[in-house]
Amino acid sequence: MRFFFLFFFIFFLTDAFSSEIYKRENDITKNLRCLVCEGQSVYESNSDFAIDIKKFVNKELKKNKSNEEIYSFLKLKYGEEILFNPEISLKNIFLWFGPISFFIIGIYILYRKFNVEK
């Protein structure tokens, strides 16, 4: 009877652990860009690159690596372009704030132009 309960407990515990890894793997691969396919995430893609990245992520999760450790390694290997949502840094600050800055400057120029003419 003890063996049955032990087996039952271990069976469901490993299933819960496996589903947690599966969920984390999906979350991570949805945030990674497939560098071979245009506009697809690693999660959506079936390219060889995406399959290799999925295997790598799964292997690292089974080693109990955190999401940040996995992202850091992939950023070092492939650069910022592998992330769908890159971090704000000095390298890309213009890309983050440039469009809104141009919009505000354009509104200011139009405002000045129409106020000066009146």
PDB file of N, CA and C in Angstrom:
ATOM      1  N   MET A   1       0.821  -1.198   0.000  1.00  0.00           N
ATOM      2  CA  MET A   1       0.000   0.000   0.000  1.00  0.00           C
ATOM      3  C   MET A   1       0.873   1.274   0.000  1.00  0.00           C
ATOM      4  N   ARG A   2       1.955   1.262   0.795  1.00  0.00           N
ATOM      5  CA  ARG A   2       2.854   2.417   0.819  1.00  0.00           C
ATOM      6  C   ARG A   2       3.466   2.643  -0.556  1.00  0.00           C
ATOM      7  N   PHE A   3       3.837   1.552  -1.184  1.00  0.00           N
ATOM      8  CA  PHE A   3       4.435   1.650  -2.508  1.00  0.00           C
ATOM      9  C   PHE A   3       3.464   2.315  -3.479  1.00  0.00           C
ATOM     10  N   PHE A   4       2.193   1.959  -3.394  1.00  0.00           N
ATOM     11  CA  PHE A   4       1.180   2.547  -4.265  1.00  0.00           C
ATOM     12  C   PHE A   4       1.094   4.057  -4.053  1.00  0.00           C
ATOM     13  N   PHE A   5       1.036   4.483  -2.784  1.00  0.00           N
ATOM     14  CA  PHE A   5       0.956   5.914  -2.494  1.00  0.00           C
ATOM     15  C   PHE A   5       2.227   6.644  -2.919  1.00  0.00           C
ATOM     16  N   LEU A   6       3.371   6.020  -2.708  1.00  0.00           N
ATOM     17  CA  LEU A   6       4.631   6.619  -3.124  1.00  0.00           C
ATOM     18  C   LEU A   6       4.680   6.770  -4.640  1.00  0.00           C
ATOM     19  N   PHE A   7       4.303   5.727  -5.347  1.00  0.00           N
ATOM     20  CA  PHE A   7       4.270   5.779  -6.806  1.00  0.00           C
ATOM     21  C   PHE A   7       3.287   6.847  -7.281  1.00  0.00           C
ATOM     22  N   PHE A   8       2.112   6.872  -6.684  1.00  0.00           N
ATOM     23  CA  PHE A   8       1.077   7.843  -7.038  1.00  0.00           C
ATOM     24  C   PHE A   8       1.591   9.268  -6.821  1.00  0.00           C
ATOM     25  N   PHE A   9       2.226   9.514  -5.679  1.00  0.00           N
ATOM     26  CA  PHE A   9       2.753  10.835  -5.351  1.00  0.00           C
ATOM     27  C   PHE A   9       3.850  11.244  -6.331  1.00  0.00           C
ATOM     28  N   ILE A  10       4.793  10.358  -6.591  1.00  0.00           N
ATOM     29  CA  ILE A  10       5.897  10.661  -7.505  1.00  0.00           C
ATOM     30  C   ILE A  10       5.387  10.883  -8.920  1.00  0.00           C
ATOM     31  N   PHE A  11       4.431  10.087  -9.342  1.00  0.00           N
ATOM     32  CA  PHE A  11       3.873  10.223 -10.687  1.00  0.00           C
ATOM     33  C   PHE A  11       3.275  11.603 -10.895  1.00  0.00           C
ATOM     34  N   PHE A  12       2.468  12.062  -9.953  1.00  0.00           N
ATOM     35  CA  PHE A  12       1.828  13.366 -10.109  1.00  0.00           C
ATOM     36  C   PHE A  12       2.784  14.519  -9.833  1.00  0.00           C
ATOM     37  N   LEU A  13       3.778  14.302  -8.997  1.00  0.00           N
ATOM     38  CA  LEU A  13       4.764  15.342  -8.742  1.00  0.00           C
ATOM     39  C   LEU A  13       5.606  15.596  -9.984  1.00  0.00           C
ATOM     40  N   THR A  14       6.045  14.551 -10.653  1.00  0.00           N
ATOM     41  CA  THR A  14       6.835  14.734 -11.871  1.00  0.00           C
ATOM     42  C   THR A  14       5.996  15.346 -12.977  1.00  0.00           C
ATOM     43  N   ASP A  15       4.712  15.005 -13.015  1.00  0.00           N
ATOM     44  CA  ASP A  15       3.833  15.601 -14.019  1.00  0.00           C
ATOM     45  C   ASP A  15       3.680  17.100 -13.784  1.00  0.00           C
ATOM     46  N   ALA A  16       3.536  17.504 -12.535  1.00  0.00           N
ATOM     47  CA  ALA A  16       3.420  18.931 -12.216  1.00  0.00           C
ATOM     48  C   ALA A  16       4.717  19.652 -12.549  1.00  0.00           C
ATOM     49  N   PHE A  17       5.857  19.041 -12.242  1.00  0.00           N
ATOM     50  CA  PHE A  17       7.154  19.640 -12.554  1.00  0.00           C
ATOM     51  C   PHE A  17       7.325  19.768 -14.060  1.00  0.00           C
ATOM     52  N   SER A  18       6.921  18.742 -14.784  1.00  0.00           N
ATOM     53  CA  SER A  18       7.035  18.750 -16.239  1.00  0.00           C
ATOM     54  C   SER A  18       6.160  19.838 -16.855  1.00  0.00           C
ATOM     55  N   SER A  19       4.948  20.006 -16.344  1.00  0.00           N
ATOM     56  CA  SER A  19       4.068  21.031 -16.906  1.00  0.00           C
ATOM     57  C   SER A  19       4.584  22.432 -16.586  1.00  0.00           C
ATOM     58  N   GLU A  20       5.245  22.595 -15.445  1.00  0.00           N
ATOM     59  CA  GLU A  20       5.832  23.893 -15.107  1.00  0.00           C
ATOM     60  C   GLU A  20       6.970  24.226 -16.075  1.00  0.00           C
ATOM     61  N   ILE A  21       7.806  23.244 -16.372  1.00  0.00           N
ATOM     62  CA  ILE A  21       8.888  23.453 -17.339  1.00  0.00           C
ATOM     63  C   ILE A  21       8.306  23.765 -18.709  1.00  0.00           C
ATOM     64  N   TYR A  22       7.271  23.042 -19.098  1.00  0.00           N
ATOM     65  CA  TYR A  22       6.633  23.269 -20.399  1.00  0.00           C
ATOM     66  C   TYR A  22       6.075  24.686 -20.490  1.00  0.00           C
ATOM     67  N   LYS A  23       5.424  25.149 -19.427  1.00  0.00           N
ATOM     68  CA  LYS A  23       4.856  26.502 -19.420  1.00  0.00           C
ATOM     69  C   LYS A  23       5.966  27.555 -19.495  1.00  0.00           C
ATOM     70  N   ARG A  24       7.026  27.374 -18.717  1.00  0.00           N
ATOM     71  CA  ARG A  24       8.140  28.331 -18.750  1.00  0.00           C
ATOM     72  C   ARG A  24       8.826  28.316 -20.106  1.00  0.00           C
ATOM     73  N   GLU A  25       8.979  27.123 -20.687  1.00  0.00           N
ATOM     74  CA  GLU A  25       9.601  27.028 -22.012  1.00  0.00           C
ATOM     75  C   GLU A  25       8.780  27.795 -23.042  1.00  0.00           C
ATOM     76  N   ASN A  26       7.457  27.642 -22.986  1.00  0.00           N
ATOM     77  CA  ASN A  26       6.589  28.369 -23.916  1.00  0.00           C
ATOM     78  C   ASN A  26       6.691  29.874 -23.706  1.00  0.00           C
ATOM     79  N   ASP A  27       6.700  30.311 -22.456  1.00  0.00           N
ATOM     80  CA  ASP A  27       6.808  31.743 -22.167  1.00  0.00           C
ATOM     81  C   ASP A  27       8.119  32.323 -22.697  1.00  0.00           C
ATOM     82  N   ILE A  28       9.201  31.591 -22.500  1.00  0.00           N
ATOM     83  CA  ILE A  28      10.507  32.076 -22.959  1.00  0.00           C
ATOM     84  C   ILE A  28      10.565  32.100 -24.479  1.00  0.00           C
ATOM     85  N   THR A  29      10.150  31.010 -25.128  1.00  0.00           N
ATOM     86  CA  THR A  29      10.265  30.946 -26.590  1.00  0.00           C
ATOM     87  C   THR A  29       9.315  31.912 -27.287  1.00  0.00           C
ATOM     88  N   LYS A  30       8.230  32.314 -26.633  1.00  0.00           N
ATOM     89  CA  LYS A  30       7.345  33.327 -27.221  1.00  0.00           C
ATOM     90  C   LYS A  30       8.005  34.700 -27.221  1.00  0.00           C
ATOM     91  N   ASN A  31       8.968  34.921 -26.332  1.00  0.00           N
ATOM     92  CA  ASN A  31       9.665  36.204 -26.251  1.00  0.00           C
ATOM     93  C   ASN A  31      10.959  36.237 -27.050  1.00  0.00           C
ATOM     94  N   LEU A  32      11.277  35.138 -27.735  1.00  0.00           N
ATOM     95  CA  LEU A  32      12.492  35.079 -28.542  1.00  0.00           C
ATOM     96  C   LEU A  32      12.141  35.151 -30.018  1.00  0.00           C
ATOM     97  N   ARG A  33      12.891  35.937 -30.752  1.00  0.00           N
ATOM     98  CA  ARG A  33      12.680  36.103 -32.184  1.00  0.00           C
ATOM     99  C   ARG A  33      13.429  35.014 -32.934  1.00  0.00           C
ATOM    100  N   CYS A  34      12.770  34.407 -33.915  1.00  0.00           N
ATOM    101  CA  CYS A  34      13.458  33.465 -34.792  1.00  0.00           C
ATOM    102  C   CYS A  34      14.280  34.294 -35.769  1.00  0.00           C
ATOM    103  N   LEU A  35      15.583  34.091 -35.767  1.00  0.00           N
ATOM    104  CA  LEU A  35      16.465  34.892 -36.613  1.00  0.00           C
ATOM    105  C   LEU A  35      16.448  34.434 -38.064  1.00  0.00           C
ATOM    106  N   VAL A  36      15.830  33.289 -38.333  1.00  0.00           N
ATOM    107  CA  VAL A  36      15.734  32.766 -39.697  1.00  0.00           C
ATOM    108  C   VAL A  36      14.425  33.205 -40.340  1.00  0.00           C
ATOM    109  N   CYS A  37      13.344  33.125 -39.586  1.00  0.00           N
ATOM    110  CA  CYS A  37      12.012  33.476 -40.099  1.00  0.00           C
ATOM    111  C   CYS A  37      11.740  34.950 -39.822  1.00  0.00           C
ATOM    112  N   GLU A  38      11.076  35.591 -40.741  1.00  0.00           N
ATOM    113  CA  GLU A  38      10.806  37.012 -40.579  1.00  0.00           C
ATOM    114  C   GLU A  38       9.528  37.218 -39.779  1.00  0.00           C
ATOM    115  N   GLY A  39       9.642  37.874 -38.640  1.00  0.00           N
ATOM    116  CA  GLY A  39       8.485  38.243 -37.847  1.00  0.00           C
ATOM    117  C   GLY A  39       7.880  37.131 -37.015  1.00  0.00           C
ATOM    118  N   GLN A  40       8.533  36.004 -36.883  1.00  0.00           N
ATOM    119  CA  GLN A  40       7.988  34.909 -36.083  1.00  0.00           C
ATOM    120  C   GLN A  40       8.804  34.731 -34.817  1.00  0.00           C
ATOM    121  N   SER A  41       8.121  34.260 -33.787  1.00  0.00           N
ATOM    122  CA  SER A  41       8.840  33.913 -32.569  1.00  0.00           C
ATOM    123  C   SER A  41       9.388  32.500 -32.707  1.00  0.00           C
ATOM    124  N   VAL A  42      10.288  32.149 -31.828  1.00  0.00           N
ATOM    125  CA  VAL A  42      10.833  30.793 -31.807  1.00  0.00           C
ATOM    126  C   VAL A  42       9.707  29.803 -31.521  1.00  0.00           C
ATOM    127  N   TYR A  43       8.751  30.224 -30.701  1.00  0.00           N
ATOM    128  CA  TYR A  43       7.609  29.369 -30.359  1.00  0.00           C
ATOM    129  C   TYR A  43       6.789  29.010 -31.603  1.00  0.00           C
ATOM    130  N   GLU A  44       6.587  29.959 -32.500  1.00  0.00           N
ATOM    131  CA  GLU A  44       5.751  29.748 -33.689  1.00  0.00           C
ATOM    132  C   GLU A  44       6.489  29.062 -34.826  1.00  0.00           C
ATOM    133  N   SER A  45       7.798  29.195 -34.868  1.00  0.00           N
ATOM    134  CA  SER A  45       8.581  28.747 -36.010  1.00  0.00           C
ATOM    135  C   SER A  45       8.927  27.262 -35.931  1.00  0.00           C
ATOM    136  N   ASN A  46       9.090  26.655 -37.104  1.00  0.00           N
ATOM    137  CA  ASN A  46       9.527  25.265 -37.195  1.00  0.00           C
ATOM    138  C   ASN A  46      10.876  25.154 -37.896  1.00  0.00           C
ATOM    139  N   SER A  47      11.617  26.260 -37.962  1.00  0.00           N
ATOM    140  CA  SER A  47      12.932  26.228 -38.611  1.00  0.00           C
ATOM    141  C   SER A  47      13.921  25.455 -37.736  1.00  0.00           C
ATOM    142  N   ASP A  48      15.031  25.062 -38.344  1.00  0.00           N
ATOM    143  CA  ASP A  48      16.067  24.343 -37.593  1.00  0.00           C
ATOM    144  C   ASP A  48      16.603  25.195 -36.445  1.00  0.00           C
ATOM    145  N   PHE A  49      16.751  26.493 -36.698  1.00  0.00           N
ATOM    146  CA  PHE A  49      17.220  27.404 -35.654  1.00  0.00           C
ATOM    147  C   PHE A  49      16.261  27.397 -34.466  1.00  0.00           C
ATOM    148  N   ALA A  50      14.962  27.510 -34.747  1.00  0.00           N
ATOM    149  CA  ALA A  50      13.964  27.546 -33.678  1.00  0.00           C
ATOM    150  C   ALA A  50      13.938  26.233 -32.901  1.00  0.00           C
ATOM    151  N   ILE A  51      14.055  25.129 -33.600  1.00  0.00           N
ATOM    152  CA  ILE A  51      14.055  23.823 -32.930  1.00  0.00           C
ATOM    153  C   ILE A  51      15.268  23.706 -32.009  1.00  0.00           C
ATOM    154  N   ASP A  52      16.429  24.172 -32.483  1.00  0.00           N
ATOM    155  CA  ASP A  52      17.633  24.141 -31.644  1.00  0.00           C
ATOM    156  C   ASP A  52      17.477  25.019 -30.406  1.00  0.00           C
ATOM    157  N   ILE A  53      16.890  26.192 -30.573  1.00  0.00           N
ATOM    158  CA  ILE A  53      16.687  27.096 -29.435  1.00  0.00           C
ATOM    159  C   ILE A  53      15.697  26.480 -28.448  1.00  0.00           C
ATOM    160  N   LYS A  54      14.625  25.869 -28.944  1.00  0.00           N
ATOM    161  CA  LYS A  54      13.658  25.211 -28.051  1.00  0.00           C
ATOM    162  C   LYS A  54      14.329  24.104 -27.246  1.00  0.00           C
ATOM    163  N   LYS A  55      15.164  23.307 -27.898  1.00  0.00           N
ATOM    164  CA  LYS A  55      15.882  22.236 -27.192  1.00  0.00           C
ATOM    165  C   LYS A  55      16.823  22.816 -26.143  1.00  0.00           C
ATOM    166  N   PHE A  56      17.519  23.898 -26.510  1.00  0.00           N
ATOM    167  CA  PHE A  56      18.439  24.544 -25.571  1.00  0.00           C
ATOM    168  C   PHE A  56      17.684  25.062 -24.353  1.00  0.00           C
ATOM    169  N   VAL A  57      16.566  25.750 -24.581  1.00  0.00           N
ATOM    170  CA  VAL A  57      15.782  26.309 -23.478  1.00  0.00           C
ATOM    171  C   VAL A  57      15.282  25.189 -22.575  1.00  0.00           C
ATOM    172  N   ASN A  58      14.779  24.114 -23.160  1.00  0.00           N
ATOM    173  CA  ASN A  58      14.284  22.989 -22.370  1.00  0.00           C
ATOM    174  C   ASN A  58      15.404  22.378 -21.532  1.00  0.00           C
ATOM    175  N   LYS A  59      16.564  22.206 -22.134  1.00  0.00           N
ATOM    176  CA  LYS A  59      17.709  21.626 -21.421  1.00  0.00           C
ATOM    177  C   LYS A  59      18.135  22.517 -20.258  1.00  0.00           C
ATOM    178  N   GLU A  60      18.170  23.817 -20.485  1.00  0.00           N
ATOM    179  CA  GLU A  60      18.579  24.744 -19.430  1.00  0.00           C
ATOM    180  C   GLU A  60      17.544  24.809 -18.308  1.00  0.00           C
ATOM    181  N   LEU A  61      16.268  24.726 -18.651  1.00  0.00           N
ATOM    182  CA  LEU A  61      15.230  24.722 -17.623  1.00  0.00           C
ATOM    183  C   LEU A  61      15.319  23.468 -16.762  1.00  0.00           C
ATOM    184  N   LYS A  62      15.658  22.353 -17.377  1.00  0.00           N
ATOM    185  CA  LYS A  62      15.820  21.115 -16.603  1.00  0.00           C
ATOM    186  C   LYS A  62      17.035  21.182 -15.686  1.00  0.00           C
ATOM    187  N   LYS A  63      17.980  22.069 -16.001  1.00  0.00           N
ATOM    188  CA  LYS A  63      19.135  22.305 -15.123  1.00  0.00           C
ATOM    189  C   LYS A  63      18.798  23.338 -14.047  1.00  0.00           C
ATOM    190  N   ASN A  64      17.539  23.750 -13.968  1.00  0.00           N
ATOM    191  CA  ASN A  64      17.046  24.740 -13.003  1.00  0.00           C
ATOM    192  C   ASN A  64      17.639  26.126 -13.212  1.00  0.00           C
ATOM    193  N   LYS A  65      17.911  26.490 -14.445  1.00  0.00           N
ATOM    194  CA  LYS A  65      18.368  27.845 -14.755  1.00  0.00           C
ATOM    195  C   LYS A  65      17.162  28.779 -14.737  1.00  0.00           C
ATOM    196  N   SER A  66      17.396  30.017 -14.350  1.00  0.00           N
ATOM    197  CA  SER A  66      16.312  31.001 -14.336  1.00  0.00           C
ATOM    198  C   SER A  66      16.087  31.546 -15.747  1.00  0.00           C
ATOM    199  N   ASN A  67      14.946  32.181 -15.933  1.00  0.00           N
ATOM    200  CA  ASN A  67      14.639  32.788 -17.228  1.00  0.00           C
ATOM    201  C   ASN A  67      15.695  33.830 -17.595  1.00  0.00           C
ATOM    202  N   GLU A  68      16.114  34.619 -16.616  1.00  0.00           N
ATOM    203  CA  GLU A  68      17.099  35.671 -16.877  1.00  0.00           C
ATOM    204  C   GLU A  68      18.443  35.096 -17.300  1.00  0.00           C
ATOM    205  N   GLU A  69      18.834  33.976 -16.715  1.00  0.00           N
ATOM    206  CA  GLU A  69      20.100  33.349 -17.114  1.00  0.00           C
ATOM    207  C   GLU A  69      20.031  32.877 -18.566  1.00  0.00           C
ATOM    208  N   ILE A  70      18.889  32.332 -18.943  1.00  0.00           N
ATOM    209  CA  ILE A  70      18.714  31.856 -20.321  1.00  0.00           C
ATOM    210  C   ILE A  70      18.722  33.036 -21.285  1.00  0.00           C
ATOM    211  N   TYR A  71      17.961  34.094 -20.954  1.00  0.00           N
ATOM    212  CA  TYR A  71      17.942  35.282 -21.810  1.00  0.00           C
ATOM    213  C   TYR A  71      19.342  35.893 -21.926  1.00  0.00           C
ATOM    214  N   SER A  72      20.066  35.960 -20.820  1.00  0.00           N
ATOM    215  CA  SER A  72      21.410  36.551 -20.844  1.00  0.00           C
ATOM    216  C   SER A  72      22.339  35.773 -21.760  1.00  0.00           C
ATOM    217  N   PHE A  73      22.308  34.449 -21.670  1.00  0.00           N
ATOM    218  CA  PHE A  73      23.168  33.639 -22.529  1.00  0.00           C
ATOM    219  C   PHE A  73      22.819  33.859 -23.999  1.00  0.00           C
ATOM    220  N   LEU A  74      21.523  33.845 -24.305  1.00  0.00           N
ATOM    221  CA  LEU A  74      21.102  34.011 -25.700  1.00  0.00           C
ATOM    222  C   LEU A  74      21.434  35.409 -26.220  1.00  0.00           C
ATOM    223  N   LYS A  75      21.328  36.437 -25.360  1.00  0.00           N
ATOM    224  CA  LYS A  75      21.708  37.792 -25.778  1.00  0.00           C
ATOM    225  C   LYS A  75      23.198  37.877 -26.061  1.00  0.00           C
ATOM    226  N   LEU A  76      24.004  37.210 -25.245  1.00  0.00           N
ATOM    227  CA  LEU A  76      25.447  37.207 -25.490  1.00  0.00           C
ATOM    228  C   LEU A  76      25.781  36.500 -26.795  1.00  0.00           C
ATOM    229  N   LYS A  77      25.094  35.414 -27.073  1.00  0.00           N
ATOM    230  CA  LYS A  77      25.408  34.623 -28.258  1.00  0.00           C
ATOM    231  C   LYS A  77      24.863  35.250 -29.540  1.00  0.00           C
ATOM    232  N   TYR A  78      23.618  35.758 -29.509  1.00  0.00           N
ATOM    233  CA  TYR A  78      22.960  36.238 -30.730  1.00  0.00           C
ATOM    234  C   TYR A  78      22.723  37.746 -30.757  1.00  0.00           C
ATOM    235  N   GLY A  79      22.948  38.437 -29.663  1.00  0.00           N
ATOM    236  CA  GLY A  79      22.726  39.873 -29.622  1.00  0.00           C
ATOM    237  C   GLY A  79      21.300  40.211 -29.205  1.00  0.00           C
ATOM    238  N   GLU A  80      21.056  41.498 -29.063  1.00  0.00           N
ATOM    239  CA  GLU A  80      19.745  41.990 -28.617  1.00  0.00           C
ATOM    240  C   GLU A  80      18.620  41.642 -29.583  1.00  0.00           C
ATOM    241  N   GLU A  81      18.960  41.428 -30.865  1.00  0.00           N
ATOM    242  CA  GLU A  81      17.897  41.205 -31.849  1.00  0.00           C
ATOM    243  C   GLU A  81      17.152  39.892 -31.649  1.00  0.00           C
ATOM    244  N   ILE A  82      17.633  39.011 -30.775  1.00  0.00           N
ATOM    245  CA  ILE A  82      16.907  37.768 -30.531  1.00  0.00           C
ATOM    246  C   ILE A  82      15.694  38.005 -29.627  1.00  0.00           C
ATOM    247  N   LEU A  83      15.664  39.115 -28.925  1.00  0.00           N
ATOM    248  CA  LEU A  83      14.544  39.415 -28.034  1.00  0.00           C
ATOM    249  C   LEU A  83      13.475  40.212 -28.767  1.00  0.00           C
ATOM    250  N   PHE A  84      12.208  39.838 -28.553  1.00  0.00           N
ATOM    251  CA  PHE A  84      11.119  40.622 -29.130  1.00  0.00           C
ATOM    252  C   PHE A  84      10.963  41.949 -28.397  1.00  0.00           C
ATOM    253  N   ASN A  85      11.240  41.970 -27.109  1.00  0.00           N
ATOM    254  CA  ASN A  85      11.150  43.193 -26.319  1.00  0.00           C
ATOM    255  C   ASN A  85      12.514  43.500 -25.721  1.00  0.00           C
ATOM    256  N   PRO A  86      13.398  44.145 -26.495  1.00  0.00           N
ATOM    257  CA  PRO A  86      14.736  44.432 -25.965  1.00  0.00           C
ATOM    258  C   PRO A  86      14.676  45.445 -24.827  1.00  0.00           C
ATOM    259  N   GLU A  87      15.690  45.390 -23.982  1.00  0.00           N
ATOM    260  CA  GLU A  87      15.764  46.308 -22.856  1.00  0.00           C
ATOM    261  C   GLU A  87      16.137  47.709 -23.343  1.00  0.00           C
ATOM    262  N   ILE A  88      15.739  48.701 -22.586  1.00  0.00           N
ATOM    263  CA  ILE A  88      16.123  50.075 -22.904  1.00  0.00           C
ATOM    264  C   ILE A  88      17.564  50.272 -22.444  1.00  0.00           C
ATOM    265  N   SER A  89      18.419  50.690 -23.372  1.00  0.00           N
ATOM    266  CA  SER A  89      19.823  50.951 -23.049  1.00  0.00           C
ATOM    267  C   SER A  89      20.270  52.173 -23.844  1.00  0.00           C
ATOM    268  N   LEU A  90      21.487  52.609 -23.605  1.00  0.00           N
ATOM    269  CA  LEU A  90      21.999  53.770 -24.340  1.00  0.00           C
ATOM    270  C   LEU A  90      22.098  53.495 -25.835  1.00  0.00           C
ATOM    271  N   LYS A  91      22.328  52.231 -26.195  1.00  0.00           N
ATOM    272  CA  LYS A  91      22.434  51.882 -27.611  1.00  0.00           C
ATOM    273  C   LYS A  91      21.122  52.080 -28.356  1.00  0.00           C
ATOM    274  N   ASN A  92      20.009  51.796 -27.696  1.00  0.00           N
ATOM    275  CA  ASN A  92      18.736  51.835 -28.409  1.00  0.00           C
ATOM    276  C   ASN A  92      17.746  52.848 -27.840  1.00  0.00           C
ATOM    277  N   ILE A  93      18.225  53.778 -27.039  1.00  0.00           N
ATOM    278  CA  ILE A  93      17.315  54.753 -26.437  1.00  0.00           C
ATOM    279  C   ILE A  93      16.641  55.629 -27.501  1.00  0.00           C
ATOM    280  N   PHE A  94      17.366  55.928 -28.584  1.00  0.00           N
ATOM    281  CA  PHE A  94      16.783  56.726 -29.660  1.00  0.00           C
ATOM    282  C   PHE A  94      15.625  55.971 -30.317  1.00  0.00           C
ATOM    283  N   LEU A  95      15.761  54.669 -30.457  1.00  0.00           N
ATOM    284  CA  LEU A  95      14.688  53.875 -31.060  1.00  0.00           C
ATOM    285  C   LEU A  95      13.442  53.848 -30.183  1.00  0.00           C
ATOM    286  N   TRP A  96      13.638  53.886 -28.874  1.00  0.00           N
ATOM    287  CA  TRP A  96      12.497  53.870 -27.966  1.00  0.00           C
ATOM    288  C   TRP A  96      11.804  55.231 -27.897  1.00  0.00           C
ATOM    289  N   PHE A  97      12.598  56.296 -27.804  1.00  0.00           N
ATOM    290  CA  PHE A  97      12.020  57.618 -27.568  1.00  0.00           C
ATOM    291  C   PHE A  97      12.061  58.541 -28.781  1.00  0.00           C
ATOM    292  N   GLY A  98      12.701  58.148 -29.864  1.00  0.00           N
ATOM    293  CA  GLY A  98      12.777  58.962 -31.070  1.00  0.00           C
ATOM    294  C   GLY A  98      11.421  59.270 -31.684  1.00  0.00           C
ATOM    295  N   PRO A  99      10.583  58.271 -31.917  1.00  0.00           N
ATOM    296  CA  PRO A  99       9.291  58.546 -32.555  1.00  0.00           C
ATOM    297  C   PRO A  99       8.412  59.514 -31.759  1.00  0.00           C
ATOM    298  N   ILE A 100       8.328  59.333 -30.457  1.00  0.00           N
ATOM    299  CA  ILE A 100       7.494  60.236 -29.661  1.00  0.00           C
ATOM    300  C   ILE A 100       8.115  61.629 -29.621  1.00  0.00           C
ATOM    301  N   SER A 101       9.442  61.701 -29.628  1.00  0.00           N
ATOM    302  CA  SER A 101      10.115  63.009 -29.650  1.00  0.00           C
ATOM    303  C   SER A 101       9.812  63.750 -30.945  1.00  0.00           C
ATOM    304  N   PHE A 102       9.912  63.047 -32.089  1.00  0.00           N
ATOM    305  CA  PHE A 102       9.591  63.679 -33.374  1.00  0.00           C
ATOM    306  C   PHE A 102       8.126  64.110 -33.430  1.00  0.00           C
ATOM    307  N   PHE A 103       7.251  63.325 -32.862  1.00  0.00           N
ATOM    308  CA  PHE A 103       5.830  63.673 -32.838  1.00  0.00           C
ATOM    309  C   PHE A 103       5.616  64.959 -32.039  1.00  0.00           C
ATOM    310  N   ILE A 104       6.221  65.047 -30.875  1.00  0.00           N
ATOM    311  CA  ILE A 104       6.068  66.237 -30.029  1.00  0.00           C
ATOM    312  C   ILE A 104       6.685  67.458 -30.707  1.00  0.00           C
ATOM    313  N   ILE A 105       7.851  67.299 -31.312  1.00  0.00           N
ATOM    314  CA  ILE A 105       8.491  68.414 -32.034  1.00  0.00           C
ATOM    315  C   ILE A 105       7.624  68.851 -33.212  1.00  0.00           C
ATOM    316  N   GLY A 106       7.046  67.907 -33.936  1.00  0.00           N
ATOM    317  CA  GLY A 106       6.159  68.230 -35.061  1.00  0.00           C
ATOM    318  C   GLY A 106       4.932  69.002 -34.612  1.00  0.00           C
ATOM    319  N   ILE A 107       4.324  68.584 -33.521  1.00  0.00           N
ATOM    320  CA  ILE A 107       3.159  69.300 -32.975  1.00  0.00           C
ATOM    321  C   ILE A 107       3.568  70.716 -32.571  1.00  0.00           C
ATOM    322  N   TYR A 108       4.721  70.861 -31.951  1.00  0.00           N
ATOM    323  CA  TYR A 108       5.206  72.178 -31.538  1.00  0.00           C
ATOM    324  C   TYR A 108       5.429  73.080 -32.754  1.00  0.00           C
ATOM    325  N   ILE A 109       6.047  72.539 -33.806  1.00  0.00           N
ATOM    326  CA  ILE A 109       6.302  73.322 -35.025  1.00  0.00           C
ATOM    327  C   ILE A 109       4.982  73.750 -35.663  1.00  0.00           C
ATOM    328  N   LEU A 110       4.022  72.844 -35.759  1.00  0.00           N
ATOM    329  CA  LEU A 110       2.714  73.200 -36.323  1.00  0.00           C
ATOM    330  C   LEU A 110       2.013  74.251 -35.473  1.00  0.00           C
ATOM    331  N   TYR A 111       2.086  74.115 -34.170  1.00  0.00           N
ATOM    332  CA  TYR A 111       1.478  75.077 -33.262  1.00  0.00           C
ATOM    333  C   TYR A 111       2.092  76.463 -33.464  1.00  0.00           C
ATOM    334  N   ARG A 112       3.430  76.522 -33.539  1.00  0.00           N
ATOM    335  CA  ARG A 112       4.114  77.800 -33.739  1.00  0.00           C
ATOM    336  C   ARG A 112       3.779  78.397 -35.102  1.00  0.00           C
ATOM    337  N   LYS A 113       3.713  77.551 -36.136  1.00  0.00           N
ATOM    338  CA  LYS A 113       3.440  78.037 -37.484  1.00  0.00           C
ATOM    339  C   LYS A 113       2.053  78.664 -37.560  1.00  0.00           C
ATOM    340  N   PHE A 114       1.065  78.001 -37.005  1.00  0.00           N
ATOM    341  CA  PHE A 114      -0.296  78.523 -37.086  1.00  0.00           C
ATOM    342  C   PHE A 114      -0.528  79.683 -36.128  1.00  0.00           C
ATOM    343  N   ASN A 115       0.187  79.774 -35.037  1.00  0.00           N
ATOM    344  CA  ASN A 115       0.054  80.907 -34.125  1.00  0.00           C
ATOM    345  C   ASN A 115       0.756  82.144 -34.656  1.00  0.00           C
ATOM    346  N   VAL A 116       1.862  81.986 -35.374  1.00  0.00           N
ATOM    347  CA  VAL A 116       2.605  83.120 -35.929  1.00  0.00           C
ATOM    348  C   VAL A 116       1.805  83.746 -37.066  1.00  0.00           C
ATOM    349  N   GLU A 117       1.108  82.936 -37.859  1.00  0.00           N
ATOM    350  CA  GLU A 117       0.341  83.453 -38.990  1.00  0.00           C
ATOM    351  C   GLU A 117      -0.871  84.255 -38.545  1.00  0.00           C
ATOM    352  N   LYS A 118      -1.381  84.017 -37.369  1.00  0.00           N
ATOM    353  CA  LYS A 118      -2.575  84.739 -36.905  1.00  0.00           C
ATOM    354  C   LYS A 118      -2.247  86.068 -36.392  1.00  0.00           C
TER     355      LYS A 118
END
